[in-house]
């Protein structure tokens, strides 16, 4: 789904409505039952995958949700990783 498509879908919704991520998955391999995991969307993360040659693929936008503590830990880790991979700035100023 493109960002523009998501915006189109959301713009007719009440602006104060909560946005959740509903992940639908089979309960077990052999069963017909499905389960829906509901997560509030805590944030957004632009993400670029690298292909096998280390070239950056097209940008994707992650809507990030889950347990609050997990999300915070994840976003903190991503931020630290982003700082470690950012070769354009002076490495003398690391805030850990």
C-alpha atoms as a PDB file:
ATOM      1  CA  UNK A   1       0.000   0.000   0.000  1.00  0.00           C
ATOM      2  CA  UNK A   2       1.247   3.473  -0.851  1.00  0.00           C
ATOM      3  CA  UNK A   3       1.287   6.366   1.608  1.00  0.00           C
ATOM      4  CA  UNK A   4      -1.208   8.204  -0.598  1.00  0.00           C
ATOM      5  CA  UNK A   5      -3.598   5.230  -0.450  1.00  0.00           C
ATOM      6  CA  UNK A   6      -3.370   5.083   3.336  1.00  0.00           C
ATOM      7  CA  UNK A   7      -4.032   8.823   3.593  1.00  0.00           C
ATOM      8  CA  UNK A   8      -7.028   8.478   1.263  1.00  0.00           C
ATOM      9  CA  UNK A   9      -8.483   5.734   3.435  1.00  0.00           C
ATOM     10  CA  UNK A  10      -7.892   7.610   6.669  1.00  0.00           C
ATOM     11  CA  UNK A  11      -9.021  11.056   5.639  1.00  0.00           C
ATOM     12  CA  UNK A  12     -12.737  10.152   5.771  1.00  0.00           C
ATOM     13  CA  UNK A  13     -12.410   8.721   9.285  1.00  0.00           C
ATOM     14  CA  UNK A  14     -13.034  10.745  12.461  1.00  0.00           C
ATOM     15  CA  UNK A  15      -9.755  12.523  13.227  1.00  0.00           C
ATOM     16  CA  UNK A  16      -9.854  11.567  16.902  1.00  0.00           C
ATOM     17  CA  UNK A  17     -10.383   7.848  16.189  1.00  0.00           C
ATOM     18  CA  UNK A  18      -7.650   5.527  17.446  1.00  0.00           C
ATOM     19  CA  UNK A  19      -5.562   3.737  14.809  1.00  0.00           C
ATOM     20  CA  UNK A  20      -4.706   0.116  15.530  1.00  0.00           C
ATOM     21  CA  UNK A  21      -2.804  -2.538  13.667  1.00  0.00           C
ATOM     22  CA  UNK A  22      -4.788  -5.769  13.385  1.00  0.00           C
ATOM     23  CA  UNK A  23      -2.539  -8.677  12.490  1.00  0.00           C
ATOM     24  CA  UNK A  24      -4.447 -11.725  11.254  1.00  0.00           C
ATOM     25  CA  UNK A  25      -2.646 -15.043  11.548  1.00  0.00           C
ATOM     26  CA  UNK A  26      -3.513 -18.734  11.694  1.00  0.00           C
ATOM     27  CA  UNK A  27      -3.667 -20.140  15.215  1.00  0.00           C
ATOM     28  CA  UNK A  28      -1.844 -23.331  14.237  1.00  0.00           C
ATOM     29  CA  UNK A  29      -0.530 -24.904  11.068  1.00  0.00           C
ATOM     30  CA  UNK A  30      -3.236 -27.560  10.818  1.00  0.00           C
ATOM     31  CA  UNK A  31      -6.214 -25.538  11.970  1.00  0.00           C
ATOM     32  CA  UNK A  32      -8.682 -23.363  10.134  1.00  0.00           C
ATOM     33  CA  UNK A  33      -8.930 -21.023  13.118  1.00  0.00           C
ATOM     34  CA  UNK A  34      -7.413 -17.587  12.837  1.00  0.00           C
ATOM     35  CA  UNK A  35      -6.435 -15.147  15.522  1.00  0.00           C
ATOM     36  CA  UNK A  36      -6.351 -11.364  15.375  1.00  0.00           C
ATOM     37  CA  UNK A  37      -3.655  -9.568  17.330  1.00  0.00           C
ATOM     38  CA  UNK A  38      -4.487  -5.915  17.925  1.00  0.00           C
ATOM     39  CA  UNK A  39      -1.770  -3.372  18.514  1.00  0.00           C
ATOM     40  CA  UNK A  40      -1.992   0.356  18.873  1.00  0.00           C
ATOM     41  CA  UNK A  41       0.217   2.223  16.424  1.00  0.00           C
ATOM     42  CA  UNK A  42       2.887   3.954  18.499  1.00  0.00           C
ATOM     43  CA  UNK A  43       4.959   5.494  15.773  1.00  0.00           C
ATOM     44  CA  UNK A  44       6.192   5.495  12.217  1.00  0.00           C
ATOM     45  CA  UNK A  45       9.572   4.526  10.893  1.00  0.00           C
ATOM     46  CA  UNK A  46      10.881   5.133   7.375  1.00  0.00           C
ATOM     47  CA  UNK A  47      12.891   2.014   6.495  1.00  0.00           C
ATOM     48  CA  UNK A  48      15.150   1.097   3.606  1.00  0.00           C
ATOM     49  CA  UNK A  49      16.056  -2.519   3.018  1.00  0.00           C
ATOM     50  CA  UNK A  50      19.383  -3.329   1.460  1.00  0.00           C
ATOM     51  CA  UNK A  51      19.645  -5.845  -1.328  1.00  0.00           C
ATOM     52  CA  UNK A  52      22.370  -8.511  -1.361  1.00  0.00           C
ATOM     53  CA  UNK A  53      24.913  -6.058  -2.780  1.00  0.00           C
ATOM     54  CA  UNK A  54      24.315  -3.547  -0.011  1.00  0.00           C
ATOM     55  CA  UNK A  55      22.398  -1.179  -2.278  1.00  0.00           C
ATOM     56  CA  UNK A  56      19.458   0.609  -0.708  1.00  0.00           C
ATOM     57  CA  UNK A  57      16.090  -0.591  -1.926  1.00  0.00           C
ATOM     58  CA  UNK A  58      13.022   1.581  -2.181  1.00  0.00           C
ATOM     59  CA  UNK A  59      11.831   3.306   0.953  1.00  0.00           C
ATOM     60  CA  UNK A  60       9.073   1.675   2.981  1.00  0.00           C
ATOM     61  CA  UNK A  61       7.189   3.207   5.889  1.00  0.00           C
ATOM     62  CA  UNK A  62       6.691   1.056   8.959  1.00  0.00           C
ATOM     63  CA  UNK A  63       3.763   1.702  11.243  1.00  0.00           C
ATOM     64  CA  UNK A  64       5.229   0.554  14.534  1.00  0.00           C
ATOM     65  CA  UNK A  65       3.073  -0.974  17.257  1.00  0.00           C
ATOM     66  CA  UNK A  66       3.169  -3.559  20.019  1.00  0.00           C
ATOM     67  CA  UNK A  67       3.698  -3.621  23.752  1.00  0.00           C
ATOM     68  CA  UNK A  68       4.736  -0.168  24.961  1.00  0.00           C
ATOM     69  CA  UNK A  69       8.013  -1.290  26.524  1.00  0.00           C
ATOM     70  CA  UNK A  70       8.945  -3.328  23.456  1.00  0.00           C
ATOM     71  CA  UNK A  71       8.201  -0.445  21.106  1.00  0.00           C
ATOM     72  CA  UNK A  72      10.299   1.963  23.156  1.00  0.00           C
ATOM     73  CA  UNK A  73      13.204  -0.473  23.278  1.00  0.00           C
ATOM     74  CA  UNK A  74      12.890  -1.097  19.542  1.00  0.00           C
ATOM     75  CA  UNK A  75      12.820   2.583  18.602  1.00  0.00           C
ATOM     76  CA  UNK A  76      15.758   3.302  20.938  1.00  0.00           C
ATOM     77  CA  UNK A  77      17.751   0.494  19.342  1.00  0.00           C
ATOM     78  CA  UNK A  78      16.918   1.699  15.827  1.00  0.00           C
ATOM     79  CA  UNK A  79      17.975   5.231  16.722  1.00  0.00           C
ATOM     80  CA  UNK A  80      21.282   4.021  18.105  1.00  0.00           C
ATOM     81  CA  UNK A  81      21.792   1.884  15.026  1.00  0.00           C
ATOM     82  CA  UNK A  82      21.026   4.860  12.804  1.00  0.00           C
ATOM     83  CA  UNK A  83      23.678   6.882  14.626  1.00  0.00           C
ATOM     84  CA  UNK A  84      26.203   4.080  14.289  1.00  0.00           C
ATOM     85  CA  UNK A  85      25.577   3.756  10.550  1.00  0.00           C
ATOM     86  CA  UNK A  86      25.595   7.468   9.866  1.00  0.00           C
ATOM     87  CA  UNK A  87      29.064   8.068   8.470  1.00  0.00           C
ATOM     88  CA  UNK A  88      28.456  11.723   7.652  1.00  0.00           C
ATOM     89  CA  UNK A  89      28.800  13.080  11.149  1.00  0.00           C
ATOM     90  CA  UNK A  90      31.600  13.453  13.674  1.00  0.00           C
ATOM     91  CA  UNK A  91      31.895  10.248  15.685  1.00  0.00           C
ATOM     92  CA  UNK A  92      33.135  12.171  18.707  1.00  0.00           C
ATOM     93  CA  UNK A  93      29.606  13.093  19.798  1.00  0.00           C
ATOM     94  CA  UNK A  94      27.924   9.857  20.770  1.00  0.00           C
ATOM     95  CA  UNK A  95      25.109  10.058  23.302  1.00  0.00           C
ATOM     96  CA  UNK A  96      24.392   6.655  24.782  1.00  0.00           C
END
